[in-house]
Amino acid sequence: MKKWSVLLFATTCLSLTVRSAGFYPIGRIRSAAIAERSAAPAPVNRLAHVNVNSTMPADSIPSGFTGRLMTGKMHYTAANTHSHNDYEQPVPFWMAWQEQFGSIEADIWLVNGQVLVGHSREEIKNERTLEEYYVKPLLTCIRENNGHPYADTTRLLQILIDVKMDSVNTLNALIALLDRYPELEHTPQLTWVISGNRPAPDTYTSYPPFILFDGVLRRQYTAAEYSKISMLSDDLQYYTRWDGTAVLPAPTRKTIQEAVDRAHSLHLPVRFWDAPDTPEAWRQLMDLHVDYLNTDHIRELATWLKDQ
C-alpha cells in the first residue's frame, strides 16, 4: 500500500481522497494555530446514578452510548457507517472523514513504547503510528470546527480502537498518548471505544470517562459494566454463514433480530464484523436495524446510502 503521511495532510491544510480517476480535494483545513480552548469541560461521571450492586431491568440500565438507534423510523446515513481496518485505505482517516462516517477503526500494537497501527505484526512499521495517522488529524479537525469533529456539529464520531496484543499495557499506552491531547478527551461528539483484546469487564469502571468499550453482543454484563459500554458487536459468522447474496433464512433472521432488539432495549447500537460487504447485504442488515454497517468500501457505501 502506498504510504501517505497524515502529518502532511495536517500541516499542508489539504485533505484528499482517492478516486478511480485520480485525486480531488475535499476542502482546505486551516493548519494555522487555533487557540486551544481555555478550559476543558469537566469529565462526566457516568456512574453517578448507578447502584453497581443492584439488578436492573434492561430498559433502565444506563449505557455509555449517547447517540440514536436505528429502530426502523429513521433514514440511514453516513452516521451509520463504520470504516473497518481504516488504516488499510489509500488515505487513512481522511477518506472516511470526508464521507462523514460515524465510526472509524484502527488496530493498535504497543511496540517499544510506541502505539503503532496494523492488522498483524508483519504489517506494523515504526512510522505508522496512531498519533500520526489518527490523533493529529483528529486534533486538526476539532480545532478547525471549533470543538467538533465535523463542520456539522450534530454529527458524532466514534474511533474504534482494536487492541491486538496485551490489553492492559496497550490500553494504558493509548491513554498516556491521549493525555497529551486533552481536547481529544473532552470533545462530547468524539468517543474512544476499545475493542479486540479488552481488560476484564469488571475493571471497565476504573478507566477514565473518555474511554468506553465495545461489548460482545451475545454476552451479558452488569449494570456498572454496561455504563462503560458504547456499542455491542459480534462476528456475524457466529450466527450464520450467509454470503449476502440470498435472502437470510427466516430462523437465522429471527435470531439476529432478537439479538439486535435486546441491544436496543439496553440503548446500545449494534455492529457485525465479518459480514458480507455488498449492497444486498447492507440492505438486509438495515432491514434488521443494525446500527453500524461495517465496510471496507468507503466511497461505495457512502454513495449507495445517498441514493437510497
Protein backbone atom coordinates (compact mmCIF):
# COMPACT_ATOMS: atom_id res chain seq x y z
CA MET A 1 0.00 0.00 0.00
CA LYS A 2 1.32 3.41 -0.90
CA LYS A 3 2.14 5.23 2.33
CA TRP A 4 0.69 8.66 2.88
CA SER A 5 1.83 10.83 5.72
CA VAL A 6 -1.16 12.04 7.63
CA LEU A 7 1.04 14.70 9.13
CA LEU A 8 1.46 16.08 5.62
CA PHE A 9 -2.31 16.49 5.39
CA ALA A 10 -2.48 18.28 8.71
CA THR A 11 0.41 20.63 8.01
CA THR A 12 -0.34 21.42 4.38
CA CYS A 13 -4.00 22.01 5.23
CA LEU A 14 -5.31 19.83 2.46
CA SER A 15 -7.07 16.51 2.67
CA LEU A 16 -7.53 14.26 -0.31
CA THR A 17 -9.48 11.25 -1.25
CA VAL A 18 -8.67 8.65 -3.83
CA ARG A 19 -10.98 8.09 -6.76
CA SER A 20 -10.53 5.65 -9.59
CA ALA A 21 -9.82 8.62 -11.85
CA GLY A 22 -7.31 10.25 -9.50
CA PHE A 23 -7.48 12.68 -6.58
CA TYR A 24 -9.70 15.55 -5.64
CA PRO A 25 -9.55 18.00 -2.74
CA ILE A 26 -12.20 17.93 -0.06
CA GLY A 27 -11.63 21.45 1.18
CA ARG A 28 -8.98 23.40 2.98
CA ILE A 29 -8.21 22.52 6.57
CA ARG A 30 -6.55 25.54 8.12
CA SER A 31 -3.44 24.47 9.98
CA ALA A 32 -2.73 27.95 11.28
CA ALA A 33 -2.77 27.55 15.03
CA ILE A 34 -6.23 27.95 16.52
CA ALA A 35 -6.08 28.89 20.17
CA GLU A 36 -6.77 25.94 22.42
CA ARG A 37 -9.89 26.20 24.46
CA SER A 38 -9.14 27.93 27.72
CA ALA A 39 -10.59 25.12 29.81
CA ALA A 40 -11.70 21.60 29.04
CA PRO A 41 -15.14 20.64 30.32
CA ALA A 42 -15.20 18.51 33.43
CA PRO A 43 -15.44 14.76 32.76
CA VAL A 44 -18.90 13.26 33.06
CA ASN A 45 -19.37 10.76 35.88
CA ARG A 46 -21.30 8.08 34.02
CA LEU A 47 -21.72 6.03 37.20
CA ALA A 48 -23.17 8.70 39.47
CA HIS A 49 -26.67 7.26 39.22
CA VAL A 50 -25.77 3.57 39.08
CA ASN A 51 -26.09 1.19 42.01
CA VAL A 52 -23.47 -1.31 40.92
CA ASN A 53 -24.80 -3.98 43.24
CA SER A 54 -28.38 -3.82 42.02
CA THR A 55 -30.18 -5.95 39.46
CA MET A 56 -31.88 -3.64 36.98
CA PRO A 57 -34.33 -4.29 34.14
CA ALA A 58 -32.83 -3.88 30.67
CA ASP A 59 -34.70 -0.70 29.84
CA SER A 60 -33.33 1.05 32.96
CA ILE A 61 -29.66 0.09 32.60
CA PRO A 62 -27.63 3.17 31.61
CA SER A 63 -25.21 2.65 28.73
CA GLY A 64 -22.21 4.61 27.53
CA PHE A 65 -23.93 5.37 24.20
CA THR A 66 -25.44 8.83 23.67
CA GLY A 67 -26.46 8.67 20.00
CA ARG A 68 -29.55 7.49 18.16
CA LEU A 69 -30.59 3.91 17.47
CA MET A 70 -31.92 2.57 14.18
CA THR A 71 -35.35 1.26 15.05
CA GLY A 72 -36.89 1.49 11.59
CA LYS A 73 -38.14 5.07 11.97
CA MET A 74 -35.10 6.92 10.65
CA HIS A 75 -33.19 7.02 7.38
CA TYR A 76 -29.71 5.50 7.24
CA THR A 77 -26.91 7.98 6.56
CA ALA A 78 -23.13 8.06 6.75
CA ALA A 79 -23.60 8.35 10.52
CA ASN A 80 -24.39 4.61 10.40
CA THR A 81 -21.17 3.62 8.66
CA HIS A 82 -18.05 2.05 10.13
CA SER A 83 -14.72 2.11 8.29
CA HIS A 84 -13.30 -1.33 9.05
CA ASN A 85 -9.48 -1.53 9.26
CA ASP A 86 -9.40 2.07 8.09
CA TYR A 87 -5.59 2.24 8.11
CA GLU A 88 -5.60 -0.06 5.05
CA GLN A 89 -7.36 2.60 2.97
CA PRO A 90 -5.24 4.52 0.42
CA VAL A 91 -5.66 7.63 2.56
CA PRO A 92 -6.33 6.56 6.17
CA PHE A 93 -8.73 8.62 8.26
CA TRP A 94 -9.36 11.32 5.64
CA MET A 95 -11.37 9.18 3.21
CA ALA A 96 -13.86 8.16 5.90
CA TRP A 97 -13.84 11.64 7.42
CA GLN A 98 -14.67 13.23 4.09
CA GLU A 99 -17.73 10.99 3.78
CA GLN A 100 -18.66 11.87 7.39
CA PHE A 101 -18.53 8.29 8.61
CA GLY A 102 -19.90 7.71 12.09
CA SER A 103 -17.17 5.26 13.10
CA ILE A 104 -13.54 4.70 12.10
CA GLU A 105 -11.42 1.73 13.18
CA ALA A 106 -7.71 1.43 13.90
CA ASP A 107 -5.93 -1.72 15.12
CA ILE A 108 -3.10 -0.97 17.52
CA TRP A 109 0.06 -2.63 18.84
CA LEU A 110 2.44 -1.50 21.57
CA VAL A 111 6.00 -1.85 20.28
CA ASN A 112 8.99 -0.35 22.11
CA GLY A 113 6.76 2.21 23.78
CA GLN A 114 5.08 3.30 20.54
CA VAL A 115 1.41 2.80 19.70
CA LEU A 116 1.55 1.50 16.13
CA VAL A 117 -1.21 0.75 13.63
CA GLY A 118 -1.58 -2.52 11.71
CA HIS A 119 -3.59 -5.70 11.41
CA SER A 120 -0.72 -8.12 12.05
CA ARG A 121 2.82 -8.00 13.39
CA GLU A 122 4.13 -8.31 9.84
CA GLU A 123 2.34 -5.11 8.82
CA ILE A 124 3.44 -2.78 11.61
CA LYS A 125 6.15 -0.22 10.85
CA ASN A 126 7.73 2.36 13.13
CA GLU A 127 6.49 5.31 11.06
CA ARG A 128 2.88 4.11 11.07
CA THR A 129 1.87 5.44 14.48
CA LEU A 130 -1.62 6.07 15.79
CA GLU A 131 -0.51 9.58 16.65
CA GLU A 132 0.40 10.49 13.07
CA TYR A 133 -2.37 8.55 11.33
CA TYR A 134 -5.31 9.44 13.59
CA VAL A 135 -4.59 11.57 16.66
CA LYS A 136 -3.08 14.59 14.92
CA PRO A 137 -5.62 14.62 12.05
CA LEU A 138 -8.44 14.46 14.61
CA LEU A 139 -6.94 17.37 16.51
CA THR A 140 -6.77 19.38 13.29
CA CYS A 141 -10.44 18.70 12.54
CA ILE A 142 -11.61 19.54 16.06
CA ARG A 143 -9.71 22.82 16.12
CA GLU A 144 -10.93 23.70 12.64
CA ASN A 145 -14.54 23.01 13.64
CA ASN A 146 -14.48 24.82 16.99
CA GLY A 147 -14.50 21.74 19.18
CA HIS A 148 -16.37 19.34 16.87
CA PRO A 149 -15.05 16.52 14.67
CA TYR A 150 -17.22 17.66 11.74
CA ALA A 151 -18.43 21.03 10.50
CA ASP A 152 -21.95 19.69 11.08
CA THR A 153 -21.90 20.00 14.85
CA THR A 154 -24.70 17.44 15.28
CA ARG A 155 -22.55 14.64 13.89
CA LEU A 156 -20.82 12.20 16.22
CA LEU A 157 -17.56 10.37 15.50
CA GLN A 158 -16.55 7.11 17.13
CA ILE A 159 -12.93 5.98 16.97
CA LEU A 160 -12.91 2.22 17.48
CA ILE A 161 -9.55 1.03 18.77
CA ASP A 162 -8.99 -2.70 18.20
CA VAL A 163 -6.24 -3.76 20.61
CA LYS A 164 -4.18 -6.55 19.07
CA MET A 165 -1.94 -7.52 21.98
CA ASP A 166 -1.77 -7.21 25.78
CA SER A 167 -4.93 -5.34 26.70
CA VAL A 168 -3.86 -3.58 29.89
CA ASN A 169 -0.43 -2.31 28.84
CA THR A 170 -1.55 -1.30 25.34
CA LEU A 171 -4.62 0.49 26.66
CA ASN A 172 -2.52 2.31 29.26
CA ALA A 173 -0.16 3.44 26.49
CA LEU A 174 -3.14 4.70 24.47
CA ILE A 175 -4.42 6.68 27.46
CA ALA A 176 -0.96 8.16 28.03
CA LEU A 177 -0.87 9.23 24.37
CA LEU A 178 -4.31 10.84 24.51
CA ASP A 179 -3.42 12.59 27.78
CA ARG A 180 -1.05 14.70 25.67
CA TYR A 181 -4.06 15.93 23.68
CA PRO A 182 -6.74 16.89 26.25
CA GLU A 183 -9.06 18.23 23.54
CA LEU A 184 -9.48 14.68 22.27
CA GLU A 185 -10.51 13.51 25.73
CA HIS A 186 -13.12 16.21 26.29
CA THR A 187 -14.90 16.56 22.95
CA PRO A 188 -18.53 15.47 23.55
CA GLN A 189 -19.09 14.44 19.91
CA LEU A 190 -15.99 12.20 19.88
CA THR A 191 -15.86 8.80 21.59
CA TRP A 192 -12.96 6.39 22.03
CA VAL A 193 -14.24 2.82 22.08
CA ILE A 194 -11.98 -0.11 22.91
CA SER A 195 -12.44 -3.43 21.12
CA GLY A 196 -10.34 -6.53 20.42
CA ASN A 197 -8.25 -7.53 23.44
CA ARG A 198 -10.06 -5.78 26.27
CA PRO A 199 -9.42 -5.85 30.01
CA ALA A 200 -11.82 -7.78 32.23
CA PRO A 201 -15.28 -6.15 32.17
CA ASP A 202 -15.30 -5.76 35.93
CA THR A 203 -12.41 -3.30 35.54
CA TYR A 204 -14.14 -1.11 32.95
CA THR A 205 -15.26 1.45 35.53
CA SER A 206 -11.65 2.02 36.63
CA TYR A 207 -10.80 3.63 33.27
CA PRO A 208 -11.10 7.36 32.54
CA PRO A 209 -14.50 8.74 31.49
CA PHE A 210 -13.42 9.24 27.87
CA ILE A 211 -12.58 5.52 27.48
CA LEU A 212 -15.58 3.36 26.57
CA PHE A 213 -15.79 -0.27 25.47
CA ASP A 214 -17.19 -2.39 22.68
CA GLY A 215 -19.19 -5.18 24.30
CA VAL A 216 -19.90 -8.62 22.83
CA LEU A 217 -23.49 -8.85 21.62
CA ARG A 218 -24.09 -12.40 22.86
CA ARG A 219 -22.71 -11.67 26.34
CA GLN A 220 -24.41 -10.36 29.48
CA TYR A 221 -22.86 -7.61 31.61
CA THR A 222 -23.58 -5.99 34.97
CA ALA A 223 -25.24 -2.58 35.20
CA ALA A 224 -21.92 -0.92 36.02
CA GLU A 225 -20.21 -2.59 33.07
CA TYR A 226 -22.98 -1.51 30.69
CA SER A 227 -22.44 2.08 31.82
CA LYS A 228 -18.97 1.91 30.21
CA ILE A 229 -20.10 0.09 27.05
CA SER A 230 -20.88 2.21 24.00
CA MET A 231 -21.66 -0.47 21.42
CA LEU A 232 -22.32 -4.21 21.12
CA SER A 233 -20.51 -6.03 18.31
CA ASP A 234 -20.24 -9.63 17.19
CA ASP A 235 -18.88 -11.89 14.49
CA LEU A 236 -21.76 -12.47 12.08
CA GLN A 237 -20.26 -15.90 11.35
CA TYR A 238 -21.29 -16.92 14.88
CA TYR A 239 -24.92 -16.60 13.75
CA THR A 240 -24.78 -17.56 10.08
CA ARG A 241 -22.54 -18.47 7.13
CA TRP A 242 -24.65 -16.18 4.95
CA ASP A 243 -22.73 -14.75 1.98
CA GLY A 244 -25.03 -11.78 1.44
CA THR A 245 -26.39 -12.84 -1.93
CA ALA A 246 -29.55 -14.71 -0.93
CA VAL A 247 -32.29 -13.74 1.49
CA LEU A 248 -31.43 -14.60 5.08
CA PRO A 249 -33.26 -17.78 6.16
CA ALA A 250 -36.19 -16.97 8.45
CA PRO A 251 -34.82 -18.79 11.55
CA THR A 252 -31.46 -17.00 11.22
CA ARG A 253 -33.14 -13.67 10.66
CA LYS A 254 -35.25 -14.19 13.78
CA THR A 255 -32.18 -14.99 15.90
CA ILE A 256 -30.29 -11.93 14.69
CA GLN A 257 -33.33 -9.68 15.07
CA GLU A 258 -33.79 -10.81 18.67
CA ALA A 259 -30.13 -10.04 19.42
CA VAL A 260 -30.43 -6.57 17.87
CA ASP A 261 -33.69 -5.88 19.71
CA ARG A 262 -32.11 -6.89 23.01
CA ALA A 263 -29.20 -4.48 22.41
CA HIS A 264 -31.63 -1.70 21.57
CA SER A 265 -33.55 -2.37 24.80
CA LEU A 266 -30.26 -1.57 26.53
CA HIS A 267 -29.94 1.59 24.41
CA LEU A 268 -26.86 0.23 22.68
CA PRO A 269 -26.11 0.19 18.94
CA VAL A 270 -25.08 -2.97 17.10
CA ARG A 271 -22.30 -3.74 14.63
CA PHE A 272 -21.46 -7.05 12.98
CA TRP A 273 -17.95 -7.72 11.73
CA ASP A 274 -17.03 -10.40 9.22
CA ALA A 275 -20.31 -9.59 7.47
CA PRO A 276 -20.82 -9.54 3.68
CA ASP A 277 -19.87 -6.12 2.31
CA THR A 278 -22.23 -5.67 -0.66
CA PRO A 279 -25.31 -3.56 -1.39
CA GLU A 280 -27.65 -6.53 -0.96
CA ALA A 281 -26.07 -7.38 2.39
CA TRP A 282 -26.22 -3.75 3.50
CA ARG A 283 -29.91 -3.66 2.63
CA GLN A 284 -30.75 -6.77 4.64
CA LEU A 285 -28.70 -5.60 7.63
CA MET A 286 -30.58 -2.30 7.51
CA ASP A 287 -33.85 -4.25 7.49
CA LEU A 288 -32.66 -5.85 10.74
CA HIS A 289 -31.97 -2.36 12.17
CA VAL A 290 -28.24 -3.00 12.56
CA ASP A 291 -26.90 0.42 13.57
CA TYR A 292 -23.42 0.40 12.01
CA LEU A 293 -22.72 -1.00 8.54
CA ASN A 294 -19.21 -2.46 8.61
CA THR A 295 -17.34 -1.77 5.35
CA ASP A 296 -14.00 -1.77 3.57
CA HIS A 297 -15.61 0.16 0.67
CA ILE A 298 -15.93 3.70 1.94
CA ARG A 299 -16.86 5.53 -1.23
CA GLU A 300 -19.18 2.79 -2.50
CA LEU A 301 -21.21 2.58 0.72
CA ALA A 302 -21.43 6.36 1.11
CA THR A 303 -22.66 6.75 -2.47
CA TRP A 304 -25.12 3.86 -2.11
CA LEU A 305 -26.66 5.35 1.03
CA LYS A 306 -27.09 8.72 -0.63
CA ASP A 307 -29.02 7.03 -3.45
CA GLN A 308 -31.46 5.27 -1.13
